[in-house]
Amino acid sequence: MNNVKDIPLIQSICIVVPTYNRASILSKSLKKYLEIDHIKEATILVIDNNSSDHTAQTVHDFREYSNLNVVYYFEAQQGLSFAKNKAIELCTQDYMLFLDDDCYPQKDILVHCAHHISASRKAIFGKINRWAEMVPAWNLNEFFIHNHPSDIAVDLKSCLY
């Protein structure tokens, strides 16, 4: 699935990126977004969760450089839940794809999302291998031994007891 019929589904996806004081990491991640297939069809919503660094300027510069549909919002209430709830409030698309500010998405991520949308999935869960660059010191390697990457798509109805 990688053709013109994917476009309406991809246009219905909002990539949400909550971030807090990680402008340099965010900058690297956003540059990787330029490699994503059909990225110009999607919306990228960056929720700045009360950063005191140059996150706003980083997003502004990326938006100018890339000409992608990037929306920036400053959420003054500290906490990831506030950032995610604000994203849900602001999102005008039918589907949301939450990505971390240090995520390097695979180039076909939107095509895969469109495939799962067309398969009427209610939710898609997955893990990624983190890139080794700039991993925080508190993030021990043992964490990744027990947190293996997966490509699991789950229909929420099948998870209910």
Protein backbone atom coordinates (compact mmCIF):
# COMPACT_ATOMS: atom_id res chain seq x y z
CA MET A 1 0.00 0.00 0.00
CA ASN A 2 1.88 3.01 -1.22
CA ASN A 3 -0.11 4.84 -3.82
CA VAL A 4 -2.53 7.68 -4.47
CA LYS A 5 -5.43 5.97 -2.67
CA ASP A 6 -3.43 6.26 0.59
CA ILE A 7 -3.46 10.07 0.44
CA PRO A 8 -6.93 10.73 1.95
CA LEU A 9 -6.14 8.40 4.84
CA ILE A 10 -2.77 10.03 5.43
CA GLN A 11 -4.40 13.47 5.35
CA SER A 12 -6.58 12.30 8.22
CA ILE A 13 -3.52 11.67 10.44
CA CYS A 14 -2.09 14.17 12.91
CA ILE A 15 1.40 13.37 14.17
CA VAL A 16 1.57 14.69 17.74
CA VAL A 17 4.97 15.44 19.25
CA PRO A 18 4.94 16.58 22.90
CA THR A 19 8.25 18.11 23.96
CA TYR A 20 9.88 19.80 26.93
CA ASN A 21 13.28 21.54 26.89
CA ARG A 22 14.79 19.25 24.25
CA ALA A 23 15.08 21.63 21.31
CA SER A 24 18.32 20.14 19.98
CA ILE A 25 16.91 16.59 20.10
CA LEU A 26 13.61 17.74 18.59
CA SER A 27 15.47 19.46 15.77
CA LYS A 28 17.23 16.23 14.81
CA SER A 29 14.00 14.25 14.96
CA LEU A 30 12.03 16.73 12.88
CA LYS A 31 14.70 16.63 10.17
CA LYS A 32 14.15 12.87 9.96
CA TYR A 33 10.46 13.55 9.26
CA LEU A 34 11.48 14.88 5.85
CA GLU A 35 12.30 11.28 4.87
CA ILE A 36 8.78 9.98 5.64
CA ASP A 37 6.73 8.92 2.62
CA HIS A 38 3.78 11.29 2.00
CA ILE A 39 4.73 13.52 4.96
CA LYS A 40 3.43 16.59 3.11
CA GLU A 41 -0.06 15.10 3.36
CA ALA A 42 -0.04 14.79 7.16
CA THR A 43 -0.17 17.39 9.93
CA ILE A 44 2.54 17.61 12.57
CA LEU A 45 1.38 19.11 15.86
CA VAL A 46 4.22 20.02 18.23
CA ILE A 47 3.06 20.62 21.79
CA ASP A 48 5.70 22.61 23.65
CA ASN A 49 5.12 21.70 27.29
CA ASN A 50 6.34 24.88 28.95
CA SER A 51 9.89 24.76 27.60
CA SER A 52 12.34 27.46 28.61
CA ASP A 53 14.86 26.66 25.87
CA HIS A 54 14.65 27.55 22.17
CA THR A 55 11.97 24.97 21.28
CA ALA A 56 9.61 27.57 19.76
CA GLN A 57 12.37 28.89 17.48
CA THR A 58 13.38 25.35 16.53
CA VAL A 59 9.84 24.53 15.40
CA HIS A 60 9.51 27.87 13.61
CA ASP A 61 12.78 27.31 11.74
CA PHE A 62 11.78 23.77 10.76
CA ARG A 63 8.40 24.94 9.53
CA GLU A 64 10.04 27.59 7.34
CA TYR A 65 12.74 25.23 6.07
CA SER A 66 10.49 22.24 5.35
CA ASN A 67 7.24 23.81 4.14
CA LEU A 68 5.43 20.96 5.93
CA ASN A 69 2.11 21.40 7.69
CA VAL A 70 3.57 21.99 11.18
CA VAL A 71 1.43 23.44 13.95
CA TYR A 72 3.07 24.72 17.14
CA TYR A 73 1.28 25.16 20.45
CA PHE A 74 2.73 26.28 23.79
CA GLU A 75 1.10 24.47 26.72
CA ALA A 76 1.94 26.31 29.94
CA GLN A 77 0.72 23.57 32.30
CA GLN A 78 3.66 21.29 32.99
CA GLY A 79 3.18 17.56 32.49
CA LEU A 80 2.87 15.09 29.64
CA SER A 81 -0.82 14.50 30.35
CA PHE A 82 -1.52 18.22 29.89
CA ALA A 83 0.38 18.22 26.61
CA LYS A 84 -1.44 15.15 25.29
CA ASN A 85 -4.84 16.42 26.40
CA LYS A 86 -4.17 19.73 24.66
CA ALA A 87 -3.24 17.84 21.50
CA ILE A 88 -6.53 15.93 21.64
CA GLU A 89 -8.35 19.24 22.05
CA LEU A 90 -6.53 20.92 19.14
CA CYS A 91 -6.45 18.04 16.67
CA THR A 92 -8.82 18.45 13.72
CA GLN A 93 -7.86 15.20 11.99
CA ASP A 94 -9.60 11.86 12.51
CA TYR A 95 -6.50 10.01 13.73
CA MET A 96 -3.60 10.85 16.03
CA LEU A 97 -0.13 9.34 15.97
CA PHE A 98 1.78 10.16 19.17
CA LEU A 99 5.56 10.18 18.69
CA ASP A 100 8.22 11.13 21.21
CA ASP A 101 10.43 14.13 20.56
CA ASP A 102 13.45 11.82 20.23
CA CYS A 103 11.81 9.44 17.76
CA TYR A 104 13.25 8.77 14.31
CA PRO A 105 10.21 7.34 12.50
CA GLN A 106 10.62 4.86 9.68
CA LYS A 107 9.99 6.30 6.24
CA ASP A 108 6.86 4.18 5.70
CA ILE A 109 5.19 4.92 9.04
CA LEU A 110 2.30 6.88 7.50
CA VAL A 111 1.70 4.21 4.87
CA HIS A 112 1.51 1.60 7.64
CA CYS A 113 -0.87 3.81 9.62
CA ALA A 114 -3.07 4.21 6.53
CA HIS A 115 -3.08 0.44 6.09
CA HIS A 116 -4.25 -0.09 9.68
CA ILE A 117 -6.85 2.65 9.36
CA SER A 118 -8.26 0.98 6.25
CA ALA A 119 -8.33 -2.30 8.21
CA SER A 120 -10.61 -0.56 10.76
CA ARG A 121 -8.17 -0.85 13.65
CA LYS A 122 -9.22 1.00 16.77
CA ALA A 123 -5.69 1.44 18.12
CA ILE A 124 -2.17 0.53 17.14
CA PHE A 125 0.54 -0.03 19.72
CA GLY A 126 4.20 -0.47 19.01
CA LYS A 127 7.70 0.00 20.26
CA ILE A 128 10.82 1.15 18.53
CA ASN A 129 14.51 0.64 18.97
CA ARG A 130 15.80 3.90 20.35
CA TRP A 131 18.62 5.55 18.55
CA ALA A 132 21.79 5.48 20.60
CA GLU A 133 22.56 9.19 20.23
CA MET A 134 21.75 11.38 23.23
CA VAL A 135 20.00 8.72 25.34
CA PRO A 136 19.65 10.15 28.86
CA ALA A 137 22.05 8.76 31.46
CA TRP A 138 19.18 7.47 33.61
CA ASN A 139 18.02 5.30 30.72
CA LEU A 140 19.78 2.04 31.52
CA ASN A 141 20.47 -0.61 28.91
CA GLU A 142 18.66 -3.15 31.08
CA PHE A 143 15.42 -1.36 30.27
CA PHE A 144 15.75 -2.31 26.61
CA ILE A 145 16.52 -5.95 27.39
CA HIS A 146 12.95 -6.27 28.73
CA ASN A 147 11.36 -3.84 26.28
CA HIS A 148 11.80 -5.46 22.90
CA PRO A 149 10.53 -3.73 19.76
CA SER A 150 7.36 -5.08 18.22
CA ASP A 151 5.06 -4.57 15.27
CA ILE A 152 1.80 -5.37 17.01
CA ALA A 153 -1.53 -3.99 15.85
CA VAL A 154 -4.29 -4.56 18.34
CA ASP A 155 -8.02 -4.16 17.86
CA LEU A 156 -9.20 -2.82 21.22
CA LYS A 157 -12.40 -4.86 21.05
CA SER A 158 -10.28 -8.02 21.22
CA CYS A 159 -8.59 -6.76 24.41
CA LEU A 160 -11.75 -6.29 26.44
CA TYR A 161 -12.72 -8.97 28.93
